[in-house]
């Protein structure tokens, strides 16, 4: 169940059917991400702040943990790699440092 400002994650009706067997939820100011029991991630809320993970969804497999800033998310995968999404200025784009954060 979610509540609050609809555009900022208070309305999860678009993904409600996916929110089953939730293991962890992480929220930023305007979005949420949930790790499911199968290691995948569901995100909702303001797309500019990580509420849309579609660009990295195929990489979000075997997720062990999600960390967040004020407007982006970082998922740690079982192999030690990291996948980020959200506001590029707040850590949502790790492409320039990806080779440095592999297998941490």
PDB file of N, CA and C in Angstrom:
ATOM      1  N   UNK A   1       0.838  -1.167   0.000  1.00  0.00           N
ATOM      2  CA  UNK A   1       0.000   0.000   0.000  1.00  0.00           C
ATOM      3  C   UNK A   1       0.891   1.240   0.000  1.00  0.00           C
ATOM      4  N   UNK A   2       0.541   2.194  -0.817  1.00  0.00           N
ATOM      5  CA  UNK A   2       1.286   3.450  -0.858  1.00  0.00           C
ATOM      6  C   UNK A   2       0.318   4.610  -0.722  1.00  0.00           C
ATOM      7  N   UNK A   3       0.830   5.750  -0.288  1.00  0.00           N
ATOM      8  CA  UNK A   3       0.010   6.940  -0.162  1.00  0.00           C
ATOM      9  C   UNK A   3       0.913   8.161  -0.269  1.00  0.00           C
ATOM     10  N   UNK A   4       0.319   9.297  -0.501  1.00  0.00           N
ATOM     11  CA  UNK A   4       1.074  10.538  -0.657  1.00  0.00           C
ATOM     12  C   UNK A   4       0.832  11.137  -2.027  1.00  0.00           C
ATOM     13  N   UNK A   5       1.670  12.054  -2.424  1.00  0.00           N
ATOM     14  CA  UNK A   5       1.553  12.709  -3.715  1.00  0.00           C
ATOM     15  C   UNK A   5       1.669  11.671  -4.826  1.00  0.00           C
ATOM     16  N   UNK A   6       0.642  11.526  -5.659  1.00  0.00           N
ATOM     17  CA  UNK A   6       0.630  10.454  -6.671  1.00  0.00           C
ATOM     18  C   UNK A   6       1.860  10.417  -7.576  1.00  0.00           C
ATOM     19  N   UNK A   7       2.273  11.559  -8.113  1.00  0.00           N
ATOM     20  CA  UNK A   7       3.393  11.584  -9.061  1.00  0.00           C
ATOM     21  C   UNK A   7       4.731  11.271  -8.390  1.00  0.00           C
ATOM     22  N   UNK A   8       4.787  11.412  -7.084  1.00  0.00           N
ATOM     23  CA  UNK A   8       6.044  11.201  -6.367  1.00  0.00           C
ATOM     24  C   UNK A   8       6.091   9.867  -5.628  1.00  0.00           C
ATOM     25  N   UNK A   9       5.329   8.894  -6.109  1.00  0.00           N
ATOM     26  CA  UNK A   9       5.371   7.563  -5.528  1.00  0.00           C
ATOM     27  C   UNK A   9       4.187   7.203  -4.664  1.00  0.00           C
ATOM     28  N   UNK A  10       3.324   8.160  -4.394  1.00  0.00           N
ATOM     29  CA  UNK A  10       2.152   7.881  -3.573  1.00  0.00           C
ATOM     30  C   UNK A  10       1.116   7.018  -4.262  1.00  0.00           C
ATOM     31  N   UNK A  11       1.203   6.915  -5.568  1.00  0.00           N
ATOM     32  CA  UNK A  11       0.288   6.079  -6.335  1.00  0.00           C
ATOM     33  C   UNK A  11       1.102   4.984  -7.025  1.00  0.00           C
ATOM     34  N   UNK A  12       0.990   3.775  -6.529  1.00  0.00           N
ATOM     35  CA  UNK A  12       1.720   2.647  -7.109  1.00  0.00           C
ATOM     36  C   UNK A  12       0.810   1.756  -7.944  1.00  0.00           C
ATOM     37  N   UNK A  13      -0.359   2.248  -8.324  1.00  0.00           N
ATOM     38  CA  UNK A  13      -1.321   1.412  -9.042  1.00  0.00           C
ATOM     39  C   UNK A  13      -0.764   0.868 -10.363  1.00  0.00           C
ATOM     40  N   UNK A  14       0.127   1.605 -11.013  1.00  0.00           N
ATOM     41  CA  UNK A  14       0.729   1.170 -12.276  1.00  0.00           C
ATOM     42  C   UNK A  14       1.556  -0.096 -12.106  1.00  0.00           C
ATOM     43  N   UNK A  15       2.143  -0.286 -10.933  1.00  0.00           N
ATOM     44  CA  UNK A  15       3.007  -1.446 -10.686  1.00  0.00           C
ATOM     45  C   UNK A  15       2.464  -2.363  -9.590  1.00  0.00           C
ATOM     46  N   UNK A  16       1.287  -2.065  -9.083  1.00  0.00           N
ATOM     47  CA  UNK A  16       0.758  -2.828  -7.949  1.00  0.00           C
ATOM     48  C   UNK A  16       0.740  -4.335  -8.199  1.00  0.00           C
ATOM     49  N   UNK A  17       0.409  -4.743  -9.411  1.00  0.00           N
ATOM     50  CA  UNK A  17       0.373  -6.170  -9.739  1.00  0.00           C
ATOM     51  C   UNK A  17       1.754  -6.826  -9.664  1.00  0.00           C
ATOM     52  N   UNK A  18       2.823  -6.024  -9.735  1.00  0.00           N
ATOM     53  CA  UNK A  18       4.187  -6.547  -9.652  1.00  0.00           C
ATOM     54  C   UNK A  18       4.704  -6.598  -8.216  1.00  0.00           C
ATOM     55  N   UNK A  19       4.072  -5.866  -7.331  1.00  0.00           N
ATOM     56  CA  UNK A  19       4.569  -5.753  -5.960  1.00  0.00           C
ATOM     57  C   UNK A  19       4.097  -6.935  -5.112  1.00  0.00           C
ATOM     58  N   UNK A  20       4.692  -8.080  -5.367  1.00  0.00           N
ATOM     59  CA  UNK A  20       4.425  -9.321  -4.636  1.00  0.00           C
ATOM     60  C   UNK A  20       5.754  -9.867  -4.136  1.00  0.00           C
ATOM     61  N   UNK A  21       5.749 -10.444  -2.974  1.00  0.00           N
ATOM     62  CA  UNK A  21       6.965 -11.013  -2.380  1.00  0.00           C
ATOM     63  C   UNK A  21       8.075  -9.974  -2.266  1.00  0.00           C
ATOM     64  N   UNK A  22       7.708  -8.774  -1.832  1.00  0.00           N
ATOM     65  CA  UNK A  22       8.668  -7.679  -1.656  1.00  0.00           C
ATOM     66  C   UNK A  22       9.584  -7.994  -0.479  1.00  0.00           C
ATOM     67  N   UNK A  23      10.879  -7.844  -0.692  1.00  0.00           N
ATOM     68  CA  UNK A  23      11.882  -8.105   0.336  1.00  0.00           C
ATOM     69  C   UNK A  23      12.424  -6.820   0.956  1.00  0.00           C
ATOM     70  N   UNK A  24      12.497  -5.762   0.159  1.00  0.00           N
ATOM     71  CA  UNK A  24      13.047  -4.497   0.644  1.00  0.00           C
ATOM     72  C   UNK A  24      12.469  -3.371  -0.185  1.00  0.00           C
ATOM     73  N   UNK A  25      12.230  -2.221   0.461  1.00  0.00           N
ATOM     74  CA  UNK A  25      11.806  -1.012  -0.256  1.00  0.00           C
ATOM     75  C   UNK A  25      12.765   0.105   0.119  1.00  0.00           C
ATOM     76  N   UNK A  26      13.158   0.879  -0.890  1.00  0.00           N
ATOM     77  CA  UNK A  26      14.010   2.042  -0.676  1.00  0.00           C
ATOM     78  C   UNK A  26      13.320   3.233  -1.326  1.00  0.00           C
ATOM     79  N   UNK A  27      13.286   4.347  -0.642  1.00  0.00           N
ATOM     80  CA  UNK A  27      12.630   5.520  -1.187  1.00  0.00           C
ATOM     81  C   UNK A  27      13.542   6.724  -1.227  1.00  0.00           C
ATOM     82  N   UNK A  28      13.376   7.508  -2.264  1.00  0.00           N
ATOM     83  CA  UNK A  28      14.028   8.809  -2.374  1.00  0.00           C
ATOM     84  C   UNK A  28      12.939   9.851  -2.211  1.00  0.00           C
ATOM     85  N   UNK A  29      13.239  11.098  -2.425  1.00  0.00           N
ATOM     86  CA  UNK A  29      12.246  12.146  -2.222  1.00  0.00           C
ATOM     87  C   UNK A  29      10.993  12.007  -3.057  1.00  0.00           C
ATOM     88  N   UNK A  30      11.104  11.433  -4.252  1.00  0.00           N
ATOM     89  CA  UNK A  30       9.972  11.404  -5.180  1.00  0.00           C
ATOM     90  C   UNK A  30       9.757  10.056  -5.859  1.00  0.00           C
ATOM     91  N   UNK A  31      10.370   8.981  -5.378  1.00  0.00           N
ATOM     92  CA  UNK A  31      10.232   7.678  -6.028  1.00  0.00           C
ATOM     93  C   UNK A  31      10.588   6.562  -5.049  1.00  0.00           C
ATOM     94  N   UNK A  32      10.188   5.352  -5.425  1.00  0.00           N
ATOM     95  CA  UNK A  32      10.475   4.159  -4.633  1.00  0.00           C
ATOM     96  C   UNK A  32      10.982   3.047  -5.541  1.00  0.00           C
ATOM     97  N   UNK A  33      11.747   2.132  -4.956  1.00  0.00           N
ATOM     98  CA  UNK A  33      12.165   0.905  -5.622  1.00  0.00           C
ATOM     99  C   UNK A  33      12.026  -0.234  -4.630  1.00  0.00           C
ATOM    100  N   UNK A  34      11.568  -1.369  -5.132  1.00  0.00           N
ATOM    101  CA  UNK A  34      11.388  -2.543  -4.287  1.00  0.00           C
ATOM    102  C   UNK A  34      12.151  -3.714  -4.877  1.00  0.00           C
ATOM    103  N   UNK A  35      12.841  -4.463  -4.019  1.00  0.00           N
ATOM    104  CA  UNK A  35      13.472  -5.712  -4.430  1.00  0.00           C
ATOM    105  C   UNK A  35      12.464  -6.821  -4.155  1.00  0.00           C
ATOM    106  N   UNK A  36      12.230  -7.649  -5.160  1.00  0.00           N
ATOM    107  CA  UNK A  36      11.333  -8.781  -5.011  1.00  0.00           C
ATOM    108  C   UNK A  36      12.131 -10.036  -4.648  1.00  0.00           C
ATOM    109  N   UNK A  37      11.444 -11.051  -4.178  1.00  0.00           N
ATOM    110  CA  UNK A  37      12.097 -12.291  -3.746  1.00  0.00           C
ATOM    111  C   UNK A  37      12.919 -12.945  -4.851  1.00  0.00           C
ATOM    112  N   UNK A  38      12.539 -12.722  -6.106  1.00  0.00           N
ATOM    113  CA  UNK A  38      13.295 -13.319  -7.217  1.00  0.00           C
ATOM    114  C   UNK A  38      14.508 -12.493  -7.632  1.00  0.00           C
ATOM    115  N   UNK A  39      14.820 -11.410  -6.886  1.00  0.00           N
ATOM    116  CA  UNK A  39      15.996 -10.598  -7.171  1.00  0.00           C
ATOM    117  C   UNK A  39      15.797  -9.519  -8.212  1.00  0.00           C
ATOM    118  N   UNK A  40      14.569  -9.318  -8.669  1.00  0.00           N
ATOM    119  CA  UNK A  40      14.286  -8.246  -9.621  1.00  0.00           C
ATOM    120  C   UNK A  40      13.824  -7.009  -8.861  1.00  0.00           C
ATOM    121  N   UNK A  41      13.695  -5.897  -9.573  1.00  0.00           N
ATOM    122  CA  UNK A  41      13.348  -4.619  -8.963  1.00  0.00           C
ATOM    123  C   UNK A  41      12.133  -4.025  -9.655  1.00  0.00           C
ATOM    124  N   UNK A  42      11.270  -3.415  -8.867  1.00  0.00           N
ATOM    125  CA  UNK A  42      10.132  -2.654  -9.374  1.00  0.00           C
ATOM    126  C   UNK A  42      10.294  -1.223  -8.865  1.00  0.00           C
ATOM    127  N   UNK A  43      10.213  -0.253  -9.771  1.00  0.00           N
ATOM    128  CA  UNK A  43      10.345   1.157  -9.407  1.00  0.00           C
ATOM    129  C   UNK A  43       9.081   1.906  -9.798  1.00  0.00           C
ATOM    130  N   UNK A  44       8.738   2.920  -9.010  1.00  0.00           N
ATOM    131  CA  UNK A  44       7.588   3.765  -9.333  1.00  0.00           C
ATOM    132  C   UNK A  44       7.780   5.140  -8.706  1.00  0.00           C
ATOM    133  N   UNK A  45       7.052   6.096  -9.235  1.00  0.00           N
ATOM    134  CA  UNK A  45       7.148   7.478  -8.775  1.00  0.00           C
ATOM    135  C   UNK A  45       7.613   8.380  -9.899  1.00  0.00           C
ATOM    136  N   UNK A  46       8.211   9.484  -9.534  1.00  0.00           N
ATOM    137  CA  UNK A  46       8.681  10.466 -10.501  1.00  0.00           C
ATOM    138  C   UNK A  46       9.844   9.890 -11.311  1.00  0.00           C
ATOM    139  N   UNK A  47       9.694   9.777 -12.634  1.00  0.00           N
ATOM    140  CA  UNK A  47      10.755   9.191 -13.459  1.00  0.00           C
ATOM    141  C   UNK A  47      12.081   9.941 -13.393  1.00  0.00           C
ATOM    142  N   UNK A  48      12.052  11.246 -13.152  1.00  0.00           N
ATOM    143  CA  UNK A  48      13.286  12.026 -13.080  1.00  0.00           C
ATOM    144  C   UNK A  48      14.107  11.695 -11.836  1.00  0.00           C
ATOM    145  N   UNK A  49      13.491  11.029 -10.878  1.00  0.00           N
ATOM    146  CA  UNK A  49      14.157  10.708  -9.613  1.00  0.00           C
ATOM    147  C   UNK A  49      14.251   9.204  -9.374  1.00  0.00           C
ATOM    148  N   UNK A  50      14.209   8.410 -10.433  1.00  0.00           N
ATOM    149  CA  UNK A  50      14.377   6.974 -10.298  1.00  0.00           C
ATOM    150  C   UNK A  50      13.096   6.169 -10.310  1.00  0.00           C
ATOM    151  N   UNK A  51      11.969   6.818 -10.503  1.00  0.00           N
ATOM    152  CA  UNK A  51      10.699   6.111 -10.539  1.00  0.00           C
ATOM    153  C   UNK A  51      10.483   5.299 -11.797  1.00  0.00           C
ATOM    154  N   UNK A  52      11.412   5.364 -12.721  1.00  0.00           N
ATOM    155  CA  UNK A  52      11.369   4.579 -13.951  1.00  0.00           C
ATOM    156  C   UNK A  52      12.744   3.940 -14.137  1.00  0.00           C
ATOM    157  N   UNK A  53      12.803   2.629 -13.974  1.00  0.00           N
ATOM    158  CA  UNK A  53      14.078   1.915 -14.122  1.00  0.00           C
ATOM    159  C   UNK A  53      14.146   1.161 -15.440  1.00  0.00           C
ATOM    160  N   UNK A  54      13.289   1.496 -16.388  1.00  0.00           N
ATOM    161  CA  UNK A  54      13.201   0.726 -17.633  1.00  0.00           C
ATOM    162  C   UNK A  54      14.508   0.707 -18.423  1.00  0.00           C
ATOM    163  N   UNK A  55      15.315   1.757 -18.346  1.00  0.00           N
ATOM    164  CA  UNK A  55      16.576   1.778 -19.100  1.00  0.00           C
ATOM    165  C   UNK A  55      17.584   0.757 -18.593  1.00  0.00           C
ATOM    166  N   UNK A  56      17.458   0.349 -17.339  1.00  0.00           N
ATOM    167  CA  UNK A  56      18.398  -0.622 -16.764  1.00  0.00           C
ATOM    168  C   UNK A  56      17.701  -1.897 -16.291  1.00  0.00           C
ATOM    169  N   UNK A  57      16.417  -2.023 -16.596  1.00  0.00           N
ATOM    170  CA  UNK A  57      15.637  -3.144 -16.070  1.00  0.00           C
ATOM    171  C   UNK A  57      16.234  -4.505 -16.407  1.00  0.00           C
ATOM    172  N   UNK A  58      16.779  -4.658 -17.603  1.00  0.00           N
ATOM    173  CA  UNK A  58      17.367  -5.946 -17.978  1.00  0.00           C
ATOM    174  C   UNK A  58      18.610  -6.277 -17.156  1.00  0.00           C
ATOM    175  N   UNK A  59      19.244  -5.272 -16.555  1.00  0.00           N
ATOM    176  CA  UNK A  59      20.422  -5.490 -15.707  1.00  0.00           C
ATOM    177  C   UNK A  59      20.043  -5.772 -14.255  1.00  0.00           C
ATOM    178  N   UNK A  60      18.807  -5.459 -13.893  1.00  0.00           N
ATOM    179  CA  UNK A  60      18.377  -5.592 -12.500  1.00  0.00           C
ATOM    180  C   UNK A  60      17.906  -7.017 -12.210  1.00  0.00           C
ATOM    181  N   UNK A  61      18.871  -7.918 -12.195  1.00  0.00           N
ATOM    182  CA  UNK A  61      18.656  -9.330 -11.892  1.00  0.00           C
ATOM    183  C   UNK A  61      19.574  -9.709 -10.734  1.00  0.00           C
ATOM    184  N   UNK A  62      19.127 -10.574  -9.873  1.00  0.00           N
ATOM    185  CA  UNK A  62      19.926 -11.015  -8.727  1.00  0.00           C
ATOM    186  C   UNK A  62      20.357  -9.852  -7.838  1.00  0.00           C
ATOM    187  N   UNK A  63      19.435  -8.899  -7.645  1.00  0.00           N
ATOM    188  CA  UNK A  63      19.714  -7.734  -6.805  1.00  0.00           C
ATOM    189  C   UNK A  63      19.720  -8.168  -5.344  1.00  0.00           C
ATOM    190  N   UNK A  64      20.764  -7.769  -4.627  1.00  0.00           N
ATOM    191  CA  UNK A  64      20.914  -8.102  -3.217  1.00  0.00           C
ATOM    192  C   UNK A  64      20.514  -6.947  -2.303  1.00  0.00           C
ATOM    193  N   UNK A  65      20.772  -5.719  -2.760  1.00  0.00           N
ATOM    194  CA  UNK A  65      20.511  -4.548  -1.928  1.00  0.00           C
ATOM    195  C   UNK A  65      20.336  -3.325  -2.803  1.00  0.00           C
ATOM    196  N   UNK A  66      19.532  -2.377  -2.343  1.00  0.00           N
ATOM    197  CA  UNK A  66      19.387  -1.092  -3.015  1.00  0.00           C
ATOM    198  C   UNK A  66      19.758   0.003  -2.024  1.00  0.00           C
ATOM    199  N   UNK A  67      20.565   0.940  -2.492  1.00  0.00           N
ATOM    200  CA  UNK A  67      20.908   2.139  -1.732  1.00  0.00           C
ATOM    201  C   UNK A  67      20.393   3.323  -2.532  1.00  0.00           C
ATOM    202  N   UNK A  68      20.195   4.447  -1.872  1.00  0.00           N
ATOM    203  CA  UNK A  68      19.666   5.590  -2.607  1.00  0.00           C
ATOM    204  C   UNK A  68      20.232   6.903  -2.086  1.00  0.00           C
ATOM    205  N   UNK A  69      20.178   7.896  -2.959  1.00  0.00           N
ATOM    206  CA  UNK A  69      20.510   9.269  -2.608  1.00  0.00           C
ATOM    207  C   UNK A  69      19.186  10.014  -2.552  1.00  0.00           C
ATOM    208  N   UNK A  70      19.211  11.308  -2.666  1.00  0.00           N
ATOM    209  CA  UNK A  70      17.962  12.063  -2.644  1.00  0.00           C
ATOM    210  C   UNK A  70      17.158  11.894  -3.924  1.00  0.00           C
ATOM    211  N   UNK A  71      17.796  11.422  -5.009  1.00  0.00           N
ATOM    212  CA  UNK A  71      17.063  11.313  -6.276  1.00  0.00           C
ATOM    213  C   UNK A  71      17.602  10.250  -7.232  1.00  0.00           C
ATOM    214  N   UNK A  72      18.296   9.240  -6.704  1.00  0.00           N
ATOM    215  CA  UNK A  72      18.758   8.149  -7.556  1.00  0.00           C
ATOM    216  C   UNK A  72      18.948   6.885  -6.719  1.00  0.00           C
ATOM    217  N   UNK A  73      19.066   5.761  -7.421  1.00  0.00           N
ATOM    218  CA  UNK A  73      19.201   4.465  -6.779  1.00  0.00           C
ATOM    219  C   UNK A  73      20.448   3.754  -7.285  1.00  0.00           C
ATOM    220  N   UNK A  74      21.007   2.898  -6.438  1.00  0.00           N
ATOM    221  CA  UNK A  74      22.112   2.016  -6.812  1.00  0.00           C
ATOM    222  C   UNK A  74      21.770   0.625  -6.301  1.00  0.00           C
ATOM    223  N   UNK A  75      21.800  -0.347  -7.195  1.00  0.00           N
ATOM    224  CA  UNK A  75      21.521  -1.725  -6.827  1.00  0.00           C
ATOM    225  C   UNK A  75      22.815  -2.517  -6.851  1.00  0.00           C
ATOM    226  N   UNK A  76      23.052  -3.269  -5.784  1.00  0.00           N
ATOM    227  CA  UNK A  76      24.205  -4.159  -5.714  1.00  0.00           C
ATOM    228  C   UNK A  76      23.715  -5.542  -6.118  1.00  0.00           C
ATOM    229  N   UNK A  77      24.362  -6.099  -7.140  1.00  0.00           N
ATOM    230  CA  UNK A  77      23.976  -7.413  -7.647  1.00  0.00           C
ATOM    231  C   UNK A  77      24.773  -8.520  -6.956  1.00  0.00           C
ATOM    232  N   UNK A  78      24.311  -9.747  -7.098  1.00  0.00           N
ATOM    233  CA  UNK A  78      24.955 -10.892  -6.452  1.00  0.00           C
ATOM    234  C   UNK A  78      26.406 -11.056  -6.860  1.00  0.00           C
ATOM    235  N   UNK A  79      26.755 -10.645  -8.082  1.00  0.00           N
ATOM    236  CA  UNK A  79      28.144 -10.781  -8.533  1.00  0.00           C
ATOM    237  C   UNK A  79      29.026  -9.614  -8.102  1.00  0.00           C
ATOM    238  N   UNK A  80      28.476  -8.685  -7.311  1.00  0.00           N
ATOM    239  CA  UNK A  80      29.246  -7.551  -6.814  1.00  0.00           C
ATOM    240  C   UNK A  80      29.206  -6.329  -7.696  1.00  0.00           C
ATOM    241  N   UNK A  81      28.574  -6.413  -8.845  1.00  0.00           N
ATOM    242  CA  UNK A  81      28.484  -5.246  -9.721  1.00  0.00           C
ATOM    243  C   UNK A  81      27.364  -4.315  -9.235  1.00  0.00           C
ATOM    244  N   UNK A  82      27.363  -3.113  -9.768  1.00  0.00           N
ATOM    245  CA  UNK A  82      26.421  -2.074  -9.352  1.00  0.00           C
ATOM    246  C   UNK A  82      25.692  -1.538 -10.569  1.00  0.00           C
ATOM    247  N   UNK A  83      24.377  -1.353 -10.427  1.00  0.00           N
ATOM    248  CA  UNK A  83      23.539  -0.749 -11.470  1.00  0.00           C
ATOM    249  C   UNK A  83      22.887   0.481 -10.868  1.00  0.00           C
ATOM    250  N   UNK A  84      22.931   1.610 -11.592  1.00  0.00           N
ATOM    251  CA  UNK A  84      22.352   2.859 -11.085  1.00  0.00           C
ATOM    252  C   UNK A  84      21.296   3.388 -12.036  1.00  0.00           C
ATOM    253  N   UNK A  85      20.351   4.153 -11.480  1.00  0.00           N
ATOM    254  CA  UNK A  85      19.338   4.844 -12.277  1.00  0.00           C
ATOM    255  C   UNK A  85      18.776   5.981 -11.446  1.00  0.00           C
ATOM    256  N   UNK A  86      18.155   6.919 -12.127  1.00  0.00           N
ATOM    257  CA  UNK A  86      17.605   8.108 -11.475  1.00  0.00           C
ATOM    258  C   UNK A  86      18.239   9.358 -12.034  1.00  0.00           C
ATOM    259  N   UNK A  87      18.312  10.387 -11.224  1.00  0.00           N
ATOM    260  CA  UNK A  87      18.874  11.664 -11.654  1.00  0.00           C
ATOM    261  C   UNK A  87      20.371  11.524 -11.929  1.00  0.00           C
ATOM    262  N   UNK A  88      20.808  11.780 -13.169  1.00  0.00           N
ATOM    263  CA  UNK A  88      22.233  11.655 -13.495  1.00  0.00           C
ATOM    264  C   UNK A  88      23.127  12.527 -12.622  1.00  0.00           C
ATOM    265  N   UNK A  89      22.646  13.698 -12.225  1.00  0.00           N
ATOM    266  CA  UNK A  89      23.444  14.608 -11.409  1.00  0.00           C
ATOM    267  C   UNK A  89      23.546  14.175  -9.953  1.00  0.00           C
ATOM    268  N   UNK A  90      22.756  13.202  -9.561  1.00  0.00           N
ATOM    269  CA  UNK A  90      22.749  12.724  -8.177  1.00  0.00           C
ATOM    270  C   UNK A  90      23.197  11.275  -8.071  1.00  0.00           C
ATOM    271  N   UNK A  91      23.941  10.794  -9.049  1.00  0.00           N
ATOM    272  CA  UNK A  91      24.475   9.438  -8.993  1.00  0.00           C
ATOM    273  C   UNK A  91      23.730   8.415  -9.822  1.00  0.00           C
ATOM    274  N   UNK A  92      22.713   8.836 -10.548  1.00  0.00           N
ATOM    275  CA  UNK A  92      21.915   7.911 -11.333  1.00  0.00           C
ATOM    276  C   UNK A  92      22.571   7.420 -12.609  1.00  0.00           C
ATOM    277  N   UNK A  93      23.701   7.996 -12.969  1.00  0.00           N
ATOM    278  CA  UNK A  93      24.431   7.556 -14.158  1.00  0.00           C
ATOM    279  C   UNK A  93      25.863   7.248 -13.745  1.00  0.00           C
ATOM    280  N   UNK A  94      26.160   5.977 -13.610  1.00  0.00           N
ATOM    281  CA  UNK A  94      27.508   5.571 -13.187  1.00  0.00           C
ATOM    282  C   UNK A  94      28.361   5.094 -14.351  1.00  0.00           C
ATOM    283  N   UNK A  95      27.958   5.390 -15.573  1.00  0.00           N
ATOM    284  CA  UNK A  95      28.658   4.861 -16.742  1.00  0.00           C
ATOM    285  C   UNK A  95      30.129   5.285 -16.796  1.00  0.00           C
ATOM    286  N   UNK A  96      30.452   6.463 -16.325  1.00  0.00           N
ATOM    287  CA  UNK A  96      31.849   6.926 -16.380  1.00  0.00           C
ATOM    288  C   UNK A  96      32.753   6.209 -15.386  1.00  0.00           C
ATOM    289  N   UNK A  97      32.172   5.649 -14.332  1.00  0.00           N
ATOM    290  CA  UNK A  97      32.981   4.988 -13.297  1.00  0.00           C
ATOM    291  C   UNK A  97      32.655   3.504 -13.164  1.00  0.00           C
ATOM    292  N   UNK A  98      31.888   2.966 -14.093  1.00  0.00           N
ATOM    293  CA  UNK A  98      31.437   1.585 -13.979  1.00  0.00           C
ATOM    294  C   UNK A  98      32.568   0.597 -13.807  1.00  0.00           C
ATOM    295  N   UNK A  99      33.682   0.796 -14.525  1.00  0.00           N
ATOM    296  CA  UNK A  99      34.815  -0.134 -14.397  1.00  0.00           C
ATOM    297  C   UNK A  99      35.483  -0.038 -13.033  1.00  0.00           C
ATOM    298  N   UNK A 100      35.274   1.041 -12.286  1.00  0.00           N
ATOM    299  CA  UNK A 100      35.860   1.198 -10.966  1.00  0.00           C
ATOM    300  C   UNK A 100      34.984   0.609  -9.866  1.00  0.00           C
ATOM    301  N   UNK A 101      33.707   0.403 -10.146  1.00  0.00           N
ATOM    302  CA  UNK A 101      32.812  -0.118  -9.102  1.00  0.00           C
ATOM    303  C   UNK A 101      32.394  -1.565  -9.347  1.00  0.00           C
ATOM    304  N   UNK A 102      32.970  -2.187 -10.320  1.00  0.00           N
ATOM    305  CA  UNK A 102      32.684  -3.599 -10.582  1.00  0.00           C
ATOM    306  C   UNK A 102      33.313  -4.439  -9.475  1.00  0.00           C
ATOM    307  N   UNK A 103      32.547  -5.365  -8.978  1.00  0.00           N
ATOM    308  CA  UNK A 103      33.047  -6.360  -8.023  1.00  0.00           C
ATOM    309  C   UNK A 103      33.662  -5.732  -6.792  1.00  0.00           C
ATOM    310  N   UNK A 104      32.921  -4.802  -6.199  1.00  0.00           N
ATOM    311  CA  UNK A 104      33.418  -4.160  -4.987  1.00  0.00           C
ATOM    312  C   UNK A 104      33.243  -5.055  -3.773  1.00  0.00           C
TER     313      UNK A 104
END
